[in-house]
Amino acid sequence: MSGSENKTVLIYTTLEQVDDAKRIGRALVESKRAACVNIFPATVAIYEWQGEMQEAGEVVMLIKTRKACLAEALAQTKQLHPYDTPALLVIEPSQVDDDFAAWIAGQTGA
């Protein structure tokens, strides 16, 4: 497997409920499409929707995986996500600790 396939990537998404984030996170880790997820409850989203200013509570989930698992991790997250159009943002870190990157690779089947 090439080095680029083992490159660590993060997927950022938001959800309305912590339980939804836990359900998706467990599924991703159990399927080896993610090494770990972090769930940040009680964030606030401010946005405009249909011409009206909105403020809503949301949960942020950060999914730690590698490039070789990215397409499947995104597809599984989208399939399990309760939103019709979830935010699914891929973040490619400029630097990752070698030991941590190796752990992610090992957890995701590399």
PDB file of N, CA and C in Angstrom:
ATOM      1  N   MET A   1       0.843  -1.174   0.000  1.00  0.00           N
ATOM      2  CA  MET A   1       0.000   0.000   0.000  1.00  0.00           C
ATOM      3  C   MET A   1       0.890   1.241   0.000  1.00  0.00           C
ATOM      4  N   SER A   2       0.532   2.188  -0.831  1.00  0.00           N
ATOM      5  CA  SER A   2       1.371   3.376  -0.956  1.00  0.00           C
ATOM      6  C   SER A   2       1.205   4.287   0.244  1.00  0.00           C
ATOM      7  N   GLY A   3       2.183   5.162   0.404  1.00  0.00           N
ATOM      8  CA  GLY A   3       2.152   6.112   1.503  1.00  0.00           C
ATOM      9  C   GLY A   3       0.954   7.041   1.448  1.00  0.00           C
ATOM     10  N   SER A   4       0.515   7.424   0.234  1.00  0.00           N
ATOM     11  CA  SER A   4      -0.623   8.336   0.143  1.00  0.00           C
ATOM     12  C   SER A   4      -1.914   7.665   0.610  1.00  0.00           C
ATOM     13  N   GLU A   5      -2.045   6.354   0.415  1.00  0.00           N
ATOM     14  CA  GLU A   5      -3.241   5.643   0.882  1.00  0.00           C
ATOM     15  C   GLU A   5      -3.285   5.565   2.406  1.00  0.00           C
ATOM     16  N   ASN A   6      -2.106   5.604   3.041  1.00  0.00           N
ATOM     17  CA  ASN A   6      -2.034   5.562   4.498  1.00  0.00           C
ATOM     18  C   ASN A   6      -2.103   6.954   5.132  1.00  0.00           C
ATOM     19  N   LYS A   7      -2.161   7.986   4.309  1.00  0.00           N
ATOM     20  CA  LYS A   7      -2.187   9.348   4.835  1.00  0.00           C
ATOM     21  C   LYS A   7      -3.427   9.551   5.705  1.00  0.00           C
ATOM     22  N   THR A   8      -3.222  10.131   6.877  1.00  0.00           N
ATOM     23  CA  THR A   8      -4.319  10.410   7.794  1.00  0.00           C
ATOM     24  C   THR A   8      -5.196  11.525   7.242  1.00  0.00           C
ATOM     25  N   VAL A   9      -6.503  11.302   7.292  1.00  0.00           N
ATOM     26  CA  VAL A   9      -7.477  12.330   6.932  1.00  0.00           C
ATOM     27  C   VAL A   9      -8.546  12.365   8.021  1.00  0.00           C
ATOM     28  N   LEU A  10      -9.175  13.507   8.134  1.00  0.00           N
ATOM     29  CA  LEU A  10     -10.244  13.707   9.098  1.00  0.00           C
ATOM     30  C   LEU A  10     -11.517  14.053   8.348  1.00  0.00           C
ATOM     31  N   ILE A  11     -12.635  13.579   8.852  1.00  0.00           N
ATOM     32  CA  ILE A  11     -13.931  13.959   8.305  1.00  0.00           C
ATOM     33  C   ILE A  11     -14.669  14.714   9.403  1.00  0.00           C
ATOM     34  N   TYR A  12     -15.099  15.911   9.067  1.00  0.00           N
ATOM     35  CA  TYR A  12     -15.865  16.756   9.989  1.00  0.00           C
ATOM     36  C   TYR A  12     -17.332  16.682   9.594  1.00  0.00           C
ATOM     37  N   THR A  13     -18.199  16.447  10.571  1.00  0.00           N
ATOM     38  CA  THR A  13     -19.633  16.501  10.317  1.00  0.00           C
ATOM     39  C   THR A  13     -20.344  17.004  11.557  1.00  0.00           C
ATOM     40  N   THR A  14     -21.579  17.427  11.379  1.00  0.00           N
ATOM     41  CA  THR A  14     -22.394  17.878  12.496  1.00  0.00           C
ATOM     42  C   THR A  14     -23.710  17.113  12.497  1.00  0.00           C
ATOM     43  N   LEU A  15     -24.255  16.969  13.690  1.00  0.00           N
ATOM     44  CA  LEU A  15     -25.519  16.268  13.873  1.00  0.00           C
ATOM     45  C   LEU A  15     -26.341  17.004  14.914  1.00  0.00           C
ATOM     46  N   GLU A  16     -27.610  16.662  14.998  1.00  0.00           N
ATOM     47  CA  GLU A  16     -28.473  17.297  15.991  1.00  0.00           C
ATOM     48  C   GLU A  16     -28.345  16.625  17.352  1.00  0.00           C
ATOM     49  N   GLN A  17     -28.156  15.306  17.373  1.00  0.00           N
ATOM     50  CA  GLN A  17     -28.197  14.544  18.617  1.00  0.00           C
ATOM     51  C   GLN A  17     -26.890  13.780  18.873  1.00  0.00           C
ATOM     52  N   VAL A  18     -26.460  13.747  20.127  1.00  0.00           N
ATOM     53  CA  VAL A  18     -25.277  12.977  20.523  1.00  0.00           C
ATOM     54  C   VAL A  18     -25.470  11.492  20.210  1.00  0.00           C
ATOM     55  N   ASP A  19     -26.674  10.981  20.444  1.00  0.00           N
ATOM     56  CA  ASP A  19     -26.923   9.558  20.189  1.00  0.00           C
ATOM     57  C   ASP A  19     -26.699   9.192  18.726  1.00  0.00           C
ATOM     58  N   ASP A  20     -27.059  10.085  17.800  1.00  0.00           N
ATOM     59  CA  ASP A  20     -26.804   9.831  16.385  1.00  0.00           C
ATOM     60  C   ASP A  20     -25.305   9.782  16.110  1.00  0.00           C
ATOM     61  N   ALA A  21     -24.556  10.690  16.710  1.00  0.00           N
ATOM     62  CA  ALA A  21     -23.101  10.704  16.532  1.00  0.00           C
ATOM     63  C   ALA A  21     -22.483   9.428  17.086  1.00  0.00           C
ATOM     64  N   LYS A  22     -22.939   8.991  18.247  1.00  0.00           N
ATOM     65  CA  LYS A  22     -22.414   7.750  18.831  1.00  0.00           C
ATOM     66  C   LYS A  22     -22.734   6.552  17.947  1.00  0.00           C
ATOM     67  N   ARG A  23     -23.950   6.495  17.417  1.00  0.00           N
ATOM     68  CA  ARG A  23     -24.361   5.380  16.550  1.00  0.00           C
ATOM     69  C   ARG A  23     -23.490   5.332  15.291  1.00  0.00           C
ATOM     70  N   ILE A  24     -23.300   6.464  14.657  1.00  0.00           N
ATOM     71  CA  ILE A  24     -22.477   6.518  13.443  1.00  0.00           C
ATOM     72  C   ILE A  24     -21.020   6.231  13.783  1.00  0.00           C
ATOM     73  N   GLY A  25     -20.524   6.822  14.858  1.00  0.00           N
ATOM     74  CA  GLY A  25     -19.139   6.603  15.266  1.00  0.00           C
ATOM     75  C   GLY A  25     -18.841   5.142  15.543  1.00  0.00           C
ATOM     76  N   ARG A  26     -19.725   4.481  16.289  1.00  0.00           N
ATOM     77  CA  ARG A  26     -19.526   3.051  16.568  1.00  0.00           C
ATOM     78  C   ARG A  26     -19.505   2.234  15.284  1.00  0.00           C
ATOM     79  N   ALA A  27     -20.426   2.533  14.373  1.00  0.00           N
ATOM     80  CA  ALA A  27     -20.490   1.794  13.107  1.00  0.00           C
ATOM     81  C   ALA A  27     -19.205   1.964  12.305  1.00  0.00           C
ATOM     82  N   LEU A  28     -18.674   3.175  12.267  1.00  0.00           N
ATOM     83  CA  LEU A  28     -17.443   3.423  11.512  1.00  0.00           C
ATOM     84  C   LEU A  28     -16.247   2.701  12.125  1.00  0.00           C
ATOM     85  N   VAL A  29     -16.132   2.718  13.442  1.00  0.00           N
ATOM     86  CA  VAL A  29     -15.008   2.048  14.107  1.00  0.00           C
ATOM     87  C   VAL A  29     -15.151   0.530  13.991  1.00  0.00           C
ATOM     88  N   GLU A  30     -16.369   0.013  14.192  1.00  0.00           N
ATOM     89  CA  GLU A  30     -16.585  -1.433  14.075  1.00  0.00           C
ATOM     90  C   GLU A  30     -16.297  -1.945  12.671  1.00  0.00           C
ATOM     91  N   SER A  31     -16.593  -1.153  11.656  1.00  0.00           N
ATOM     92  CA  SER A  31     -16.364  -1.564  10.273  1.00  0.00           C
ATOM     93  C   SER A  31     -14.925  -1.310   9.813  1.00  0.00           C
ATOM     94  N   LYS A  32     -14.100  -0.751  10.706  1.00  0.00           N
ATOM     95  CA  LYS A  32     -12.684  -0.443  10.416  1.00  0.00           C
ATOM     96  C   LYS A  32     -12.526   0.650   9.372  1.00  0.00           C
ATOM     97  N   ARG A  33     -13.560   1.452   9.167  1.00  0.00           N
ATOM     98  CA  ARG A  33     -13.458   2.580   8.248  1.00  0.00           C
ATOM     99  C   ARG A  33     -12.933   3.823   8.956  1.00  0.00           C
ATOM    100  N   ALA A  34     -12.902   3.763  10.288  1.00  0.00           N
ATOM    101  CA  ALA A  34     -12.330   4.840  11.094  1.00  0.00           C
ATOM    102  C   ALA A  34     -11.610   4.215  12.275  1.00  0.00           C
ATOM    103  N   ALA A  35     -10.541   4.860  12.702  1.00  0.00           N
ATOM    104  CA  ALA A  35      -9.812   4.402  13.885  1.00  0.00           C
ATOM    105  C   ALA A  35     -10.469   4.926  15.149  1.00  0.00           C
ATOM    106  N   CYS A  36     -11.035   6.115  15.055  1.00  0.00           N
ATOM    107  CA  CYS A  36     -11.553   6.791  16.242  1.00  0.00           C
ATOM    108  C   CYS A  36     -12.469   7.917  15.785  1.00  0.00           C
ATOM    109  N   VAL A  37     -13.433   8.250  16.618  1.00  0.00           N
ATOM    110  CA  VAL A  37     -14.213   9.465  16.393  1.00  0.00           C
ATOM    111  C   VAL A  37     -14.214  10.270  17.683  1.00  0.00           C
ATOM    112  N   ASN A  38     -14.240  11.564  17.545  1.00  0.00           N
ATOM    113  CA  ASN A  38     -14.404  12.462  18.683  1.00  0.00           C
ATOM    114  C   ASN A  38     -15.748  13.160  18.514  1.00  0.00           C
ATOM    115  N   ILE A  39     -16.491  13.215  19.605  1.00  0.00           N
ATOM    116  CA  ILE A  39     -17.806  13.851  19.587  1.00  0.00           C
ATOM    117  C   ILE A  39     -17.768  15.042  20.541  1.00  0.00           C
ATOM    118  N   PHE A  40     -18.090  16.203  20.007  1.00  0.00           N
ATOM    119  CA  PHE A  40     -18.107  17.445  20.768  1.00  0.00           C
ATOM    120  C   PHE A  40     -19.557  17.886  20.918  1.00  0.00           C
ATOM    121  N   PRO A  41     -20.168  17.622  22.072  1.00  0.00           N
ATOM    122  CA  PRO A  41     -21.572  18.010  22.240  1.00  0.00           C
ATOM    123  C   PRO A  41     -21.710  19.502  22.531  1.00  0.00           C
ATOM    124  N   ALA A  42     -22.910  19.963  22.380  1.00  0.00           N
ATOM    125  CA  ALA A  42     -23.293  21.307  22.800  1.00  0.00           C
ATOM    126  C   ALA A  42     -22.544  22.433  22.096  1.00  0.00           C
ATOM    127  N   THR A  43     -22.461  22.349  20.790  1.00  0.00           N
ATOM    128  CA  THR A  43     -21.960  23.488  20.028  1.00  0.00           C
ATOM    129  C   THR A  43     -23.168  24.273  19.508  1.00  0.00           C
ATOM    130  N   VAL A  44     -22.927  25.475  19.056  1.00  0.00           N
ATOM    131  CA  VAL A  44     -24.002  26.310  18.531  1.00  0.00           C
ATOM    132  C   VAL A  44     -23.710  26.618  17.080  1.00  0.00           C
ATOM    133  N   ALA A  45     -24.708  26.422  16.231  1.00  0.00           N
ATOM    134  CA  ALA A  45     -24.596  26.754  14.813  1.00  0.00           C
ATOM    135  C   ALA A  45     -25.452  27.981  14.538  1.00  0.00           C
ATOM    136  N   ILE A  46     -24.884  28.952  13.852  1.00  0.00           N
ATOM    137  CA  ILE A  46     -25.609  30.150  13.438  1.00  0.00           C
ATOM    138  C   ILE A  46     -25.535  30.200  11.921  1.00  0.00           C
ATOM    139  N   TYR A  47     -26.685  30.258  11.278  1.00  0.00           N
ATOM    140  CA  TYR A  47     -26.726  30.207   9.811  1.00  0.00           C
ATOM    141  C   TYR A  47     -28.039  30.809   9.320  1.00  0.00           C
ATOM    142  N   GLU A  48     -28.088  31.086   8.036  1.00  0.00           N
ATOM    143  CA  GLU A  48     -29.311  31.579   7.423  1.00  0.00           C
ATOM    144  C   GLU A  48     -29.972  30.434   6.681  1.00  0.00           C
ATOM    145  N   TRP A  49     -31.274  30.277   6.875  1.00  0.00           N
ATOM    146  CA  TRP A  49     -32.025  29.222   6.201  1.00  0.00           C
ATOM    147  C   TRP A  49     -33.350  29.800   5.733  1.00  0.00           C
ATOM    148  N   GLN A  50     -33.593  29.731   4.447  1.00  0.00           N
ATOM    149  CA  GLN A  50     -34.819  30.238   3.828  1.00  0.00           C
ATOM    150  C   GLN A  50     -35.076  31.699   4.215  1.00  0.00           C
ATOM    151  N   GLY A  51     -34.002  32.477   4.190  1.00  0.00           N
ATOM    152  CA  GLY A  51     -34.099  33.902   4.445  1.00  0.00           C
ATOM    153  C   GLY A  51     -34.201  34.299   5.906  1.00  0.00           C
ATOM    154  N   GLU A  52     -34.144  33.339   6.804  1.00  0.00           N
ATOM    155  CA  GLU A  52     -34.265  33.615   8.236  1.00  0.00           C
ATOM    156  C   GLU A  52     -32.970  33.245   8.954  1.00  0.00           C
ATOM    157  N   MET A  53     -32.560  34.093   9.895  1.00  0.00           N
ATOM    158  CA  MET A  53     -31.394  33.794  10.712  1.00  0.00           C
ATOM    159  C   MET A  53     -31.770  32.693  11.699  1.00  0.00           C
ATOM    160  N   GLN A  54     -30.918  31.669  11.794  1.00  0.00           N
ATOM    161  CA  GLN A  54     -31.174  30.519  12.660  1.00  0.00           C
ATOM    162  C   GLN A  54     -30.045  30.368  13.666  1.00  0.00           C
ATOM    163  N   GLU A  55     -30.380  29.838  14.821  1.00  0.00           N
ATOM    164  CA  GLU A  55     -29.396  29.466  15.825  1.00  0.00           C
ATOM    165  C   GLU A  55     -29.860  28.140  16.410  1.00  0.00           C
ATOM    166  N   ALA A  56     -29.012  27.127  16.335  1.00  0.00           N
ATOM    167  CA  ALA A  56     -29.426  25.791  16.774  1.00  0.00           C
ATOM    168  C   ALA A  56     -28.267  25.082  17.461  1.00  0.00           C
ATOM    169  N   GLY A  57     -28.607  24.217  18.384  1.00  0.00           N
ATOM    170  CA  GLY A  57     -27.603  23.362  19.007  1.00  0.00           C
ATOM    171  C   GLY A  57     -27.223  22.238  18.070  1.00  0.00           C
ATOM    172  N   GLU A  58     -25.962  21.924  18.011  1.00  0.00           N
ATOM    173  CA  GLU A  58     -25.485  20.816  17.190  1.00  0.00           C
ATOM    174  C   GLU A  58     -24.376  20.075  17.923  1.00  0.00           C
ATOM    175  N   VAL A  59     -24.098  18.900  17.433  1.00  0.00           N
ATOM    176  CA  VAL A  59     -23.014  18.051  17.904  1.00  0.00           C
ATOM    177  C   VAL A  59     -22.003  17.983  16.766  1.00  0.00           C
ATOM    178  N   VAL A  60     -20.736  18.174  17.068  1.00  0.00           N
ATOM    179  CA  VAL A  60     -19.679  18.043  16.067  1.00  0.00           C
ATOM    180  C   VAL A  60     -19.035  16.675  16.225  1.00  0.00           C
ATOM    181  N   MET A  61     -18.815  16.001  15.112  1.00  0.00           N
ATOM    182  CA  MET A  61     -18.113  14.722  15.127  1.00  0.00           C
ATOM    183  C   MET A  61     -16.911  14.811  14.195  1.00  0.00           C
ATOM    184  N   LEU A  62     -15.758  14.413  14.700  1.00  0.00           N
ATOM    185  CA  LEU A  62     -14.521  14.387  13.935  1.00  0.00           C
ATOM    186  C   LEU A  62     -14.108  12.927  13.790  1.00  0.00           C
ATOM    187  N   ILE A  63     -14.018  12.468  12.564  1.00  0.00           N
ATOM    188  CA  ILE A  63     -13.738  11.072  12.252  1.00  0.00           C
ATOM    189  C   ILE A  63     -12.292  10.960  11.788  1.00  0.00           C
ATOM    190  N   LYS A  64     -11.506  10.099  12.457  1.00  0.00           N
ATOM    191  CA  LYS A  64     -10.091   9.924  12.126  1.00  0.00           C
ATOM    192  C   LYS A  64      -9.947   8.641  11.321  1.00  0.00           C
ATOM    193  N   THR A  65      -9.435   8.790  10.104  1.00  0.00           N
ATOM    194  CA  THR A  65      -9.281   7.643   9.218  1.00  0.00           C
ATOM    195  C   THR A  65      -8.056   7.861   8.324  1.00  0.00           C
ATOM    196  N   ARG A  66      -7.959   7.092   7.259  1.00  0.00           N
ATOM    197  CA  ARG A  66      -6.870   7.279   6.307  1.00  0.00           C
ATOM    198  C   ARG A  66      -7.443   7.334   4.902  1.00  0.00           C
ATOM    199  N   LYS A  67      -6.664   7.852   3.986  1.00  0.00           N
ATOM    200  CA  LYS A  67      -7.140   8.121   2.635  1.00  0.00           C
ATOM    201  C   LYS A  67      -7.725   6.884   1.951  1.00  0.00           C
ATOM    202  N   ALA A  68      -7.143   5.715   2.184  1.00  0.00           N
ATOM    203  CA  ALA A  68      -7.631   4.487   1.549  1.00  0.00           C
ATOM    204  C   ALA A  68      -9.050   4.139   1.994  1.00  0.00           C
ATOM    205  N   CYS A  69      -9.468   4.593   3.149  1.00  0.00           N
ATOM    206  CA  CYS A  69     -10.809   4.307   3.693  1.00  0.00           C
ATOM    207  C   CYS A  69     -11.788   5.450   3.464  1.00  0.00           C
ATOM    208  N   LEU A  70     -11.321   6.534   2.898  1.00  0.00           N
ATOM    209  CA  LEU A  70     -12.101   7.760   2.846  1.00  0.00           C
ATOM    210  C   LEU A  70     -13.432   7.598   2.117  1.00  0.00           C
ATOM    211  N   ALA A  71     -13.424   7.066   0.920  1.00  0.00           N
ATOM    212  CA  ALA A  71     -14.666   6.953   0.144  1.00  0.00           C
ATOM    213  C   ALA A  71     -15.702   6.116   0.888  1.00  0.00           C
ATOM    214  N   GLU A  72     -15.270   4.987   1.439  1.00  0.00           N
ATOM    215  CA  GLU A  72     -16.202   4.127   2.172  1.00  0.00           C
ATOM    216  C   GLU A  72     -16.667   4.779   3.463  1.00  0.00           C
ATOM    217  N   ALA A  73     -15.781   5.481   4.161  1.00  0.00           N
ATOM    218  CA  ALA A  73     -16.161   6.166   5.398  1.00  0.00           C
ATOM    219  C   ALA A  73     -17.180   7.274   5.109  1.00  0.00           C
ATOM    220  N   LEU A  74     -16.954   8.029   4.046  1.00  0.00           N
ATOM    221  CA  LEU A  74     -17.904   9.076   3.674  1.00  0.00           C
ATOM    222  C   LEU A  74     -19.257   8.478   3.294  1.00  0.00           C
ATOM    223  N   ALA A  75     -19.236   7.409   2.501  1.00  0.00           N
ATOM    224  CA  ALA A  75     -20.485   6.778   2.074  1.00  0.00           C
ATOM    225  C   ALA A  75     -21.261   6.220   3.265  1.00  0.00           C
ATOM    226  N   GLN A  76     -20.567   5.554   4.182  1.00  0.00           N
ATOM    227  CA  GLN A  76     -21.236   4.996   5.349  1.00  0.00           C
ATOM    228  C   GLN A  76     -21.790   6.101   6.244  1.00  0.00           C
ATOM    229  N   THR A  77     -21.024   7.156   6.437  1.00  0.00           N
ATOM    230  CA  THR A  77     -21.488   8.274   7.256  1.00  0.00           C
ATOM    231  C   THR A  77     -22.733   8.897   6.639  1.00  0.00           C
ATOM    232  N   LYS A  78     -22.705   9.130   5.343  1.00  0.00           N
ATOM    233  CA  LYS A  78     -23.850   9.735   4.664  1.00  0.00           C
ATOM    234  C   LYS A  78     -25.076   8.829   4.741  1.00  0.00           C
ATOM    235  N   GLN A  79     -24.880   7.536   4.588  1.00  0.00           N
ATOM    236  CA  GLN A  79     -25.985   6.586   4.649  1.00  0.00           C
ATOM    237  C   GLN A  79     -26.643   6.584   6.034  1.00  0.00           C
ATOM    238  N   LEU A  80     -25.834   6.658   7.088  1.00  0.00           N
ATOM    239  CA  LEU A  80     -26.347   6.585   8.453  1.00  0.00           C
ATOM    240  C   LEU A  80     -26.782   7.936   9.017  1.00  0.00           C
ATOM    241  N   HIS A  81     -26.396   9.011   8.363  1.00  0.00           N
ATOM    242  CA  HIS A  81     -26.640  10.363   8.869  1.00  0.00           C
ATOM    243  C   HIS A  81     -28.127  10.719   8.765  1.00  0.00           C
ATOM    244  N   PRO A  82     -28.695  11.308   9.808  1.00  0.00           N
ATOM    245  CA  PRO A  82     -30.122  11.662   9.755  1.00  0.00           C
ATOM    246  C   PRO A  82     -30.441  12.889   8.909  1.00  0.00           C
ATOM    247  N   TYR A  83     -29.459  13.720   8.583  1.00  0.00           N
ATOM    248  CA  TYR A  83     -29.726  14.915   7.779  1.00  0.00           C
ATOM    249  C   TYR A  83     -29.854  14.533   6.309  1.00  0.00           C
ATOM    250  N   ASP A  84     -30.710  15.237   5.577  1.00  0.00           N
ATOM    251  CA  ASP A  84     -30.837  15.020   4.134  1.00  0.00           C
ATOM    252  C   ASP A  84     -29.553  15.414   3.409  1.00  0.00           C
ATOM    253  N   THR A  85     -28.950  16.511   3.846  1.00  0.00           N
ATOM    254  CA  THR A  85     -27.718  17.010   3.240  1.00  0.00           C
ATOM    255  C   THR A  85     -26.716  17.288   4.349  1.00  0.00           C
ATOM    256  N   PRO A  86     -26.031  16.244   4.836  1.00  0.00           N
ATOM    257  CA  PRO A  86     -25.089  16.463   5.936  1.00  0.00           C
ATOM    258  C   PRO A  86     -23.836  17.199   5.490  1.00  0.00           C
ATOM    259  N   ALA A  87     -23.270  17.951   6.415  1.00  0.00           N
ATOM    260  CA  ALA A  87     -21.957  18.544   6.184  1.00  0.00           C
ATOM    261  C   ALA A  87     -20.939  17.416   6.304  1.00  0.00           C
ATOM    262  N   LEU A  88     -20.225  17.148   5.256  1.00  0.00           N
ATOM    263  CA  LEU A  88     -19.151  16.149   5.259  1.00  0.00           C
ATOM    264  C   LEU A  88     -17.932  16.814   4.653  1.00  0.00           C
ATOM    265  N   LEU A  89     -17.041  17.274   5.520  1.00  0.00           N
ATOM    266  CA  LEU A  89     -15.862  18.019   5.095  1.00  0.00           C
ATOM    267  C   LEU A  89     -14.617  17.192   5.374  1.00  0.00           C
ATOM    268  N   VAL A  90     -13.790  17.011   4.371  1.00  0.00           N
ATOM    269  CA  VAL A  90     -12.554  16.247   4.523  1.00  0.00           C
ATOM    270  C   VAL A  90     -11.409  17.213   4.793  1.00  0.00           C
ATOM    271  N   ILE A  91     -10.676  16.915   5.861  1.00  0.00           N
ATOM    272  CA  ILE A  91      -9.543  17.741   6.265  1.00  0.00           C
ATOM    273  C   ILE A  91      -8.283  16.898   6.157  1.00  0.00           C
ATOM    274  N   GLU A  92      -7.297  17.400   5.438  1.00  0.00           N
ATOM    275  CA  GLU A  92      -6.026  16.692   5.300  1.00  0.00           C
ATOM    276  C   GLU A  92      -4.967  17.437   6.108  1.00  0.00           C
ATOM    277  N   PRO A  93      -4.593  16.899   7.270  1.00  0.00           N
ATOM    278  CA  PRO A  93      -3.597  17.566   8.106  1.00  0.00           C
ATOM    279  C   PRO A  93      -2.255  17.694   7.385  1.00  0.00           C
ATOM    280  N   SER A  94      -1.577  18.790   7.610  1.00  0.00           N
ATOM    281  CA  SER A  94      -0.259  18.979   6.996  1.00  0.00           C
ATOM    282  C   SER A  94       0.804  18.151   7.697  1.00  0.00           C
ATOM    283  N   GLN A  95       0.541  17.769   8.945  1.00  0.00           N
ATOM    284  CA  GLN A  95       1.513  16.965   9.691  1.00  0.00           C
ATOM    285  C   GLN A  95       0.764  16.114  10.710  1.00  0.00           C
ATOM    286  N   VAL A  96       1.185  14.856  10.838  1.00  0.00           N
ATOM    287  CA  VAL A  96       0.611  13.930  11.815  1.00  0.00           C
ATOM    288  C   VAL A  96       1.760  13.174  12.461  1.00  0.00           C
ATOM    289  N   ASP A  97       1.724  13.025  13.759  1.00  0.00           N
ATOM    290  CA  ASP A  97       2.736  12.249  14.462  1.00  0.00           C
ATOM    291  C   ASP A  97       2.819  10.847  13.857  1.00  0.00           C
ATOM    292  N   ASP A  98       4.031  10.369  13.584  1.00  0.00           N
ATOM    293  CA  ASP A  98       4.221   9.071  12.922  1.00  0.00           C
ATOM    294  C   ASP A  98       3.592   7.917  13.696  1.00  0.00           C
ATOM    295  N   ASP A  99       3.743   7.912  15.007  1.00  0.00           N
ATOM    296  CA  ASP A  99       3.172   6.823  15.810  1.00  0.00           C
ATOM    297  C   ASP A  99       1.649   6.840  15.761  1.00  0.00           C
ATOM    298  N   PHE A 100       1.073   8.030  15.806  1.00  0.00           N
ATOM    299  CA  PHE A 100      -0.382   8.140  15.753  1.00  0.00           C
ATOM    300  C   PHE A 100      -0.900   7.729  14.380  1.00  0.00           C
ATOM    301  N   ALA A 101      -0.218   8.143  13.333  1.00  0.00           N
ATOM    302  CA  ALA A 101      -0.605   7.758  11.967  1.00  0.00           C
ATOM    303  C   ALA A 101      -0.528   6.246  11.796  1.00  0.00           C
ATOM    304  N   ALA A 102       0.495   5.624  12.368  1.00  0.00           N
ATOM    305  CA  ALA A 102       0.633   4.163  12.298  1.00  0.00           C
ATOM    306  C   ALA A 102      -0.510   3.484  13.049  1.00  0.00           C
ATOM    307  N   TRP A 103      -0.918   4.053  14.171  1.00  0.00           N
ATOM    308  CA  TRP A 103      -2.038   3.498  14.933  1.00  0.00           C
ATOM    309  C   TRP A 103      -3.324   3.571  14.119  1.00  0.00           C
ATOM    310  N   ILE A 104      -3.576   4.720  13.476  1.00  0.00           N
ATOM    311  CA  ILE A 104      -4.771   4.867  12.627  1.00  0.00           C
ATOM    312  C   ILE A 104      -4.733   3.838  11.508  1.00  0.00           C
ATOM    313  N   ALA A 105      -3.579   3.690  10.867  1.00  0.00           N
ATOM    314  CA  ALA A 105      -3.454   2.716   9.781  1.00  0.00           C
ATOM    315  C   ALA A 105      -3.728   1.302  10.283  1.00  0.00           C
ATOM    316  N   GLY A 106      -3.193   0.961  11.430  1.00  0.00           N
ATOM    317  CA  GLY A 106      -3.421  -0.368  11.984  1.00  0.00           C
ATOM    318  C   GLY A 106      -4.868  -0.620  12.347  1.00  0.00           C
ATOM    319  N   GLN A 107      -5.523   0.389  12.880  1.00  0.00           N
ATOM    320  CA  GLN A 107      -6.930   0.241  13.277  1.00  0.00           C
ATOM    321  C   GLN A 107      -7.863   0.140  12.078  1.00  0.00           C
ATOM    322  N   THR A 108      -7.425   0.645  10.950  1.00  0.00           N
ATOM    323  CA  THR A 108      -8.276   0.641   9.764  1.00  0.00           C
ATOM    324  C   THR A 108      -7.827  -0.394   8.733  1.00  0.00           C
ATOM    325  N   GLY A 109      -7.040  -1.347   9.174  1.00  0.00           N
ATOM    326  CA  GLY A 109      -6.732  -2.504   8.345  1.00  0.00           C
ATOM    327  C   GLY A 109      -5.549  -2.397   7.418  1.00  0.00           C
ATOM    328  N   ALA A 110      -4.685  -1.406   7.596  1.00  0.00           N
ATOM    329  CA  ALA A 110      -3.511  -1.292   6.713  1.00  0.00           C
ATOM    330  C   ALA A 110      -2.462  -2.318   7.071  1.00  0.00           C
TER     331      ALA A 110
END
